[in-house]
Structure formats: C-alpha cells, structure tokens
Amino acid sequence: MHPSLLFFPGALLSQPELNSARLDGLLFEVGDGYMPPDLPEDAAARVASLKPILVPGYAASGPTAAWVHGTGNAPPAQHHLQRVIARRQRVHAPPGVVLHDVLLDTDDFEVVGGAPVTTVLRTLTDLALAASSDEAAAHWMRCLADSRHDLVARAIAHVESRPRLPGKHAALSALRSV
C-alpha cells in the first residue's frame, strides 16, 4: 500500500478534517489512520495504519498480529510487539503498546507491507498461551480460530511438540475448547 493513500491526524489534514471526510464518505478509518473507500482493507493497509506505534526491530504480535491477519473490524485496545533482532536495545514503548523482549525465530514472523508480523500459527499459539490470564487474548484467540478452522489442529500439534513451554496445558485446553 502506498503511504500517500493513508492519512494520519495532524500530518496533512487535522483530525476534524479527517472526520469530515469520513462523514462525507471520502475516507474510512483503518486503525489510527484513514484511507479512501475504494481501496481494500487488507493486511498491508492494517500494518500501514500501525506506523505510529511500530518500533524498529519489533514485530506485531498477539492481538495486533491477529488484527493484521484479518481478525476483527477494529484494532485491539492494547497493541503488542515482539523483538525480531538478536541484540537487545533500549526502547520506550509508545502509549498503549506492550513490548515483549523474547526473541522470535525467523520462522515465526513474516514481512507484511514492509513490517514484520508474527505468522498466523505463532499468533494463535501466543494468544492461546495468554488466554488463561488475559480475557482480551482469549477473545482474539477465539476470533482467529473461528476465521481459520484448519489452524487450530496445527496450533495444537505445535504446542504439543514443544517439550518445555510454560502454560502448555492451559494453552492446549484453550485451543481444544474452540
């Protein structure tokens, strides 16, 4: 998606101007941005709308990655990013963003629209691992599992194949319940 097709408040137009264009049907909301209605809201558009909160060296993960992969109509209230570069760096998280410092394997993320995003399998696995203690993660897990039925069996096999995984039994229980 070309960056000139996504508008953020304060860059070219103010928030009231963007709201007026939305009410007139000239733009619609995608995350924190606005885009023309004749363009599809695909994964690249959703990633582009996350530009203000993306941190270099981190991939969209958890509920944020589920939203990027097409789950839900609105982005999550709290975004999650996970480290993809080997070297730790000092990063201040933008407001409403949780940074996870666990390094992702190269097989666990893909580049979507120029930004790293955890794969659908890794996203579902992470959401299942967090589902027992986080109701929002459980909600996003159910939504992602409902949209991709074939993925649940693969996620169960993936979790079962890992010998030492904290929260493994709770994750398997959550996955089997959907």
C-alpha atoms as a PDB file:
ATOM      1  CA  MET A   1       0.000   0.000   0.000  1.00  0.00           C
ATOM      2  CA  HIS A   2       1.399   3.373  -0.994  1.00  0.00           C
ATOM      3  CA  PRO A   3       1.951   5.666   2.008  1.00  0.00           C
ATOM      4  CA  SER A   4       0.267   8.606   0.279  1.00  0.00           C
ATOM      5  CA  LEU A   5      -3.068   6.751   0.446  1.00  0.00           C
ATOM      6  CA  LEU A   6      -3.118   6.603   4.232  1.00  0.00           C
ATOM      7  CA  PHE A   7      -3.779   9.758   6.218  1.00  0.00           C
ATOM      8  CA  PHE A   8      -2.913  10.311   9.870  1.00  0.00           C
ATOM      9  CA  PRO A   9      -4.274  13.146  12.008  1.00  0.00           C
ATOM     10  CA  GLY A  10      -2.010  16.162  12.009  1.00  0.00           C
ATOM     11  CA  ALA A  11       0.179  15.156   9.072  1.00  0.00           C
ATOM     12  CA  LEU A  12      -1.648  16.562   6.051  1.00  0.00           C
ATOM     13  CA  LEU A  13      -5.125  17.021   7.476  1.00  0.00           C
ATOM     14  CA  SER A  14      -6.302  17.752  11.002  1.00  0.00           C
ATOM     15  CA  GLN A  15      -8.495  15.376  12.976  1.00  0.00           C
ATOM     16  CA  PRO A  16     -11.660  17.449  12.327  1.00  0.00           C
ATOM     17  CA  GLU A  17     -10.912  17.491   8.575  1.00  0.00           C
ATOM     18  CA  LEU A  18     -10.397  13.729   8.555  1.00  0.00           C
ATOM     19  CA  ASN A  19     -13.641  13.234  10.492  1.00  0.00           C
ATOM     20  CA  SER A  20     -15.490  15.408   7.977  1.00  0.00           C
ATOM     21  CA  ALA A  21     -14.052  13.428   5.060  1.00  0.00           C
ATOM     22  CA  ARG A  22     -15.105  10.207   6.822  1.00  0.00           C
ATOM     23  CA  LEU A  23     -18.652  11.504   7.331  1.00  0.00           C
ATOM     24  CA  ASP A  24     -18.789  12.543   3.663  1.00  0.00           C
ATOM     25  CA  GLY A  25     -17.744   9.030   2.614  1.00  0.00           C
ATOM     26  CA  LEU A  26     -14.403  10.129   1.178  1.00  0.00           C
ATOM     27  CA  LEU A  27     -12.320   8.222   3.750  1.00  0.00           C
ATOM     28  CA  PHE A  28     -12.789   5.429   6.263  1.00  0.00           C
ATOM     29  CA  GLU A  29     -10.912   4.527   9.418  1.00  0.00           C
ATOM     30  CA  VAL A  30      -8.244   1.848   9.481  1.00  0.00           C
ATOM     31  CA  GLY A  31      -6.657   1.679  12.911  1.00  0.00           C
ATOM     32  CA  ASP A  32      -5.281   5.131  13.667  1.00  0.00           C
ATOM     33  CA  GLY A  33      -5.326   6.200  10.018  1.00  0.00           C
ATOM     34  CA  TYR A  34      -7.808   6.949   7.263  1.00  0.00           C
ATOM     35  CA  MET A  35      -7.838   5.695   3.679  1.00  0.00           C
ATOM     36  CA  PRO A  36     -10.035   6.038   0.570  1.00  0.00           C
ATOM     37  CA  PRO A  37     -13.032   3.681   0.482  1.00  0.00           C
ATOM     38  CA  ASP A  38     -12.210   2.234  -2.940  1.00  0.00           C
ATOM     39  CA  LEU A  39      -9.078   0.507  -1.593  1.00  0.00           C
ATOM     40  CA  PRO A  40      -9.317  -2.889   0.104  1.00  0.00           C
ATOM     41  CA  GLU A  41      -8.608  -3.063   3.798  1.00  0.00           C
ATOM     42  CA  ASP A  42      -6.006  -5.818   3.564  1.00  0.00           C
ATOM     43  CA  ALA A  43      -3.110  -6.821   5.801  1.00  0.00           C
ATOM     44  CA  ALA A  44      -0.799  -4.242   4.207  1.00  0.00           C
ATOM     45  CA  ALA A  45      -3.296  -1.444   4.896  1.00  0.00           C
ATOM     46  CA  ARG A  46      -3.694  -2.555   8.503  1.00  0.00           C
ATOM     47  CA  VAL A  47       0.082  -2.672   9.010  1.00  0.00           C
ATOM     48  CA  ALA A  48       0.440   0.769   7.431  1.00  0.00           C
ATOM     49  CA  SER A  49      -2.113   2.137   9.892  1.00  0.00           C
ATOM     50  CA  LEU A  50       0.124   0.909  12.736  1.00  0.00           C
ATOM     51  CA  LYS A  51       3.052   3.029  11.546  1.00  0.00           C
ATOM     52  CA  PRO A  52       2.880   5.473  14.504  1.00  0.00           C
ATOM     53  CA  ILE A  53       3.308   2.683  17.064  1.00  0.00           C
ATOM     54  CA  LEU A  54       5.680   0.293  15.276  1.00  0.00           C
ATOM     55  CA  VAL A  55       9.140   0.108  16.809  1.00  0.00           C
ATOM     56  CA  PRO A  56      12.123  -0.825  14.608  1.00  0.00           C
ATOM     57  CA  GLY A  57      13.342  -4.329  15.430  1.00  0.00           C
ATOM     58  CA  TYR A  58       9.957  -5.464  16.707  1.00  0.00           C
ATOM     59  CA  ALA A  59       7.152  -7.414  15.025  1.00  0.00           C
ATOM     60  CA  ALA A  60       3.439  -7.004  15.560  1.00  0.00           C
ATOM     61  CA  SER A  61       2.344  -9.921  17.736  1.00  0.00           C
ATOM     62  CA  GLY A  62      -0.565 -11.236  19.774  1.00  0.00           C
ATOM     63  CA  PRO A  63      -3.852  -9.350  19.280  1.00  0.00           C
ATOM     64  CA  THR A  64      -2.172  -6.822  16.991  1.00  0.00           C
ATOM     65  CA  ALA A  65      -0.982  -9.566  14.646  1.00  0.00           C
ATOM     66  CA  ALA A  66      -4.419 -11.218  14.763  1.00  0.00           C
ATOM     67  CA  TRP A  67      -5.972  -7.917  13.650  1.00  0.00           C
ATOM     68  CA  VAL A  68      -3.382  -7.519  10.880  1.00  0.00           C
ATOM     69  CA  HIS A  69      -4.187 -11.045   9.664  1.00  0.00           C
ATOM     70  CA  GLY A  70      -7.826 -10.026   9.207  1.00  0.00           C
ATOM     71  CA  THR A  71      -9.466 -10.831  12.521  1.00  0.00           C
ATOM     72  CA  GLY A  72     -11.939  -8.264  13.789  1.00  0.00           C
ATOM     73  CA  ASN A  73     -13.075  -4.912  12.477  1.00  0.00           C
ATOM     74  CA  ALA A  74     -11.219  -2.662  14.905  1.00  0.00           C
ATOM     75  CA  PRO A  75      -7.661  -2.893  16.213  1.00  0.00           C
ATOM     76  CA  PRO A  76      -7.084  -4.116  19.765  1.00  0.00           C
ATOM     77  CA  ALA A  77      -7.187  -1.609  22.615  1.00  0.00           C
ATOM     78  CA  GLN A  78      -3.623  -2.536  23.552  1.00  0.00           C
ATOM     79  CA  HIS A  79      -1.036  -3.385  20.894  1.00  0.00           C
ATOM     80  CA  HIS A  80       1.704  -5.994  21.313  1.00  0.00           C
ATOM     81  CA  LEU A  81       5.152  -6.014  19.693  1.00  0.00           C
ATOM     82  CA  GLN A  82       7.847  -8.686  19.995  1.00  0.00           C
ATOM     83  CA  ARG A  83      11.571  -8.479  19.318  1.00  0.00           C
ATOM     84  CA  VAL A  84      12.913  -9.823  15.999  1.00  0.00           C
ATOM     85  CA  ILE A  85      16.531  -8.620  16.175  1.00  0.00           C
ATOM     86  CA  ALA A  86      19.131 -10.544  18.163  1.00  0.00           C
ATOM     87  CA  ARG A  87      20.575  -7.581  20.025  1.00  0.00           C
ATOM     88  CA  ARG A  88      18.512  -6.053  22.808  1.00  0.00           C
ATOM     89  CA  GLN A  89      18.019  -2.337  22.594  1.00  0.00           C
ATOM     90  CA  ARG A  90      16.643   0.352  24.847  1.00  0.00           C
ATOM     91  CA  VAL A  91      13.218   1.185  23.569  1.00  0.00           C
ATOM     92  CA  HIS A  92      10.491   3.297  25.076  1.00  0.00           C
ATOM     93  CA  ALA A  93       7.128   1.816  24.235  1.00  0.00           C
ATOM     94  CA  PRO A  94       4.580   4.209  22.750  1.00  0.00           C
ATOM     95  CA  PRO A  95       1.412   4.632  24.835  1.00  0.00           C
ATOM     96  CA  GLY A  96      -0.893   1.628  24.573  1.00  0.00           C
ATOM     97  CA  VAL A  97       1.886  -0.725  23.415  1.00  0.00           C
ATOM     98  CA  VAL A  98       3.324  -3.732  25.231  1.00  0.00           C
ATOM     99  CA  LEU A  99       6.842  -4.746  24.181  1.00  0.00           C
ATOM    100  CA  HIS A 100       7.795  -8.416  24.584  1.00  0.00           C
ATOM    101  CA  ASP A 101      11.537  -8.955  24.797  1.00  0.00           C
ATOM    102  CA  VAL A 102      11.509 -12.652  23.822  1.00  0.00           C
ATOM    103  CA  LEU A 103      13.330 -13.082  20.507  1.00  0.00           C
ATOM    104  CA  LEU A 104      11.222 -14.504  17.689  1.00  0.00           C
ATOM    105  CA  ASP A 105      12.667 -17.228  15.457  1.00  0.00           C
ATOM    106  CA  THR A 106      12.854 -16.312  11.782  1.00  0.00           C
ATOM    107  CA  ASP A 107      10.181 -18.963  11.080  1.00  0.00           C
ATOM    108  CA  ASP A 108       7.773 -17.256  13.481  1.00  0.00           C
ATOM    109  CA  PHE A 109       7.356 -13.969  11.625  1.00  0.00           C
ATOM    110  CA  GLU A 110       6.777 -12.719   8.101  1.00  0.00           C
ATOM    111  CA  VAL A 111       7.039  -9.316   6.470  1.00  0.00           C
ATOM    112  CA  VAL A 112       3.656  -7.799   5.626  1.00  0.00           C
ATOM    113  CA  GLY A 113       3.548  -4.419   3.956  1.00  0.00           C
ATOM    114  CA  GLY A 114       7.179  -3.771   4.874  1.00  0.00           C
ATOM    115  CA  ALA A 115       6.793  -4.561   8.589  1.00  0.00           C
ATOM    116  CA  PRO A 116       7.386  -7.813  10.491  1.00  0.00           C
ATOM    117  CA  VAL A 117       4.278  -9.587  11.819  1.00  0.00           C
ATOM    118  CA  THR A 118       4.114 -12.932  13.590  1.00  0.00           C
ATOM    119  CA  THR A 119       2.776 -15.749  11.413  1.00  0.00           C
ATOM    120  CA  VAL A 120      -0.813 -16.842  11.889  1.00  0.00           C
ATOM    121  CA  LEU A 121       0.320 -20.067  13.595  1.00  0.00           C
ATOM    122  CA  ARG A 122       2.613 -18.233  16.019  1.00  0.00           C
ATOM    123  CA  THR A 123      -0.093 -15.637  16.666  1.00  0.00           C
ATOM    124  CA  LEU A 124      -2.682 -18.271  17.574  1.00  0.00           C
ATOM    125  CA  THR A 125      -0.149 -20.092  19.764  1.00  0.00           C
ATOM    126  CA  ASP A 126       0.791 -16.892  21.627  1.00  0.00           C
ATOM    127  CA  LEU A 127      -2.856 -15.979  22.147  1.00  0.00           C
ATOM    128  CA  ALA A 128      -3.618 -19.483  23.472  1.00  0.00           C
ATOM    129  CA  LEU A 129      -0.698 -19.240  25.915  1.00  0.00           C
ATOM    130  CA  ALA A 130      -2.055 -15.932  27.250  1.00  0.00           C
ATOM    131  CA  ALA A 131      -5.757 -16.864  27.158  1.00  0.00           C
ATOM    132  CA  SER A 132      -5.955 -18.264  30.691  1.00  0.00           C
ATOM    133  CA  SER A 133      -4.828 -14.994  32.297  1.00  0.00           C
ATOM    134  CA  ASP A 134      -5.955 -12.400  29.735  1.00  0.00           C
ATOM    135  CA  GLU A 135      -9.581 -12.187  28.605  1.00  0.00           C
ATOM    136  CA  ALA A 136      -8.665  -9.972  25.631  1.00  0.00           C
ATOM    137  CA  ALA A 137      -6.184 -12.590  24.404  1.00  0.00           C
ATOM    138  CA  ALA A 138      -8.855 -15.282  24.810  1.00  0.00           C
ATOM    139  CA  HIS A 139     -11.291 -13.203  22.746  1.00  0.00           C
ATOM    140  CA  TRP A 140      -8.743 -12.639  19.938  1.00  0.00           C
ATOM    141  CA  MET A 141      -7.794 -16.342  20.032  1.00  0.00           C
ATOM    142  CA  ARG A 142     -11.433 -17.402  19.563  1.00  0.00           C
ATOM    143  CA  CYS A 143     -11.917 -14.897  16.723  1.00  0.00           C
ATOM    144  CA  LEU A 144      -8.747 -16.012  14.934  1.00  0.00           C
ATOM    145  CA  ALA A 145      -9.616 -19.702  15.399  1.00  0.00           C
ATOM    146  CA  ASP A 146     -13.151 -19.107  14.061  1.00  0.00           C
ATOM    147  CA  SER A 147     -11.809 -17.439  10.935  1.00  0.00           C
ATOM    148  CA  ARG A 148      -9.240 -20.190  10.223  1.00  0.00           C
ATOM    149  CA  HIS A 149     -10.559 -23.599  11.255  1.00  0.00           C
ATOM    150  CA  ASP A 150      -7.611 -25.567   9.819  1.00  0.00           C
ATOM    151  CA  LEU A 151      -5.189 -23.648  12.007  1.00  0.00           C
ATOM    152  CA  VAL A 152      -6.365 -24.964  15.380  1.00  0.00           C
ATOM    153  CA  ALA A 153      -5.143 -28.518  14.748  1.00  0.00           C
ATOM    154  CA  ARG A 154      -1.771 -27.188  13.592  1.00  0.00           C
ATOM    155  CA  ALA A 155      -1.505 -24.987  16.694  1.00  0.00           C
ATOM    156  CA  ILE A 156      -2.327 -27.926  18.983  1.00  0.00           C
ATOM    157  CA  ALA A 157       0.354 -30.038  17.287  1.00  0.00           C
ATOM    158  CA  HIS A 158       2.830 -27.160  17.540  1.00  0.00           C
ATOM    159  CA  VAL A 159       2.224 -26.676  21.280  1.00  0.00           C
ATOM    160  CA  GLU A 160       2.350 -30.438  21.953  1.00  0.00           C
ATOM    161  CA  SER A 161       5.684 -30.727  20.127  1.00  0.00           C
ATOM    162  CA  ARG A 162       7.395 -28.285  22.487  1.00  0.00           C
ATOM    163  CA  PRO A 163       8.773 -30.198  25.487  1.00  0.00           C
ATOM    164  CA  ARG A 164       9.198 -27.215  27.841  1.00  0.00           C
ATOM    165  CA  LEU A 165       6.646 -24.498  27.414  1.00  0.00           C
ATOM    166  CA  PRO A 166       5.243 -22.521  30.357  1.00  0.00           C
ATOM    167  CA  GLY A 167       1.445 -22.589  30.244  1.00  0.00           C
ATOM    168  CA  LYS A 168       1.382 -25.525  27.831  1.00  0.00           C
ATOM    169  CA  HIS A 169      -1.549 -27.365  29.454  1.00  0.00           C
ATOM    170  CA  ALA A 170      -3.686 -24.228  29.733  1.00  0.00           C
ATOM    171  CA  ALA A 171      -2.932 -23.364  26.102  1.00  0.00           C
ATOM    172  CA  LEU A 172      -3.897 -26.847  24.928  1.00  0.00           C
ATOM    173  CA  SER A 173      -7.105 -26.635  26.922  1.00  0.00           C
ATOM    174  CA  ALA A 174      -7.921 -23.226  25.381  1.00  0.00           C
ATOM    175  CA  LEU A 175      -7.197 -24.469  21.873  1.00  0.00           C
ATOM    176  CA  ARG A 176      -9.283 -27.608  22.312  1.00  0.00           C
ATOM    177  CA  SER A 177     -12.210 -25.555  23.631  1.00  0.00           C
ATOM    178  CA  VAL A 178     -12.501 -23.679  20.316  1.00  0.00           C
END
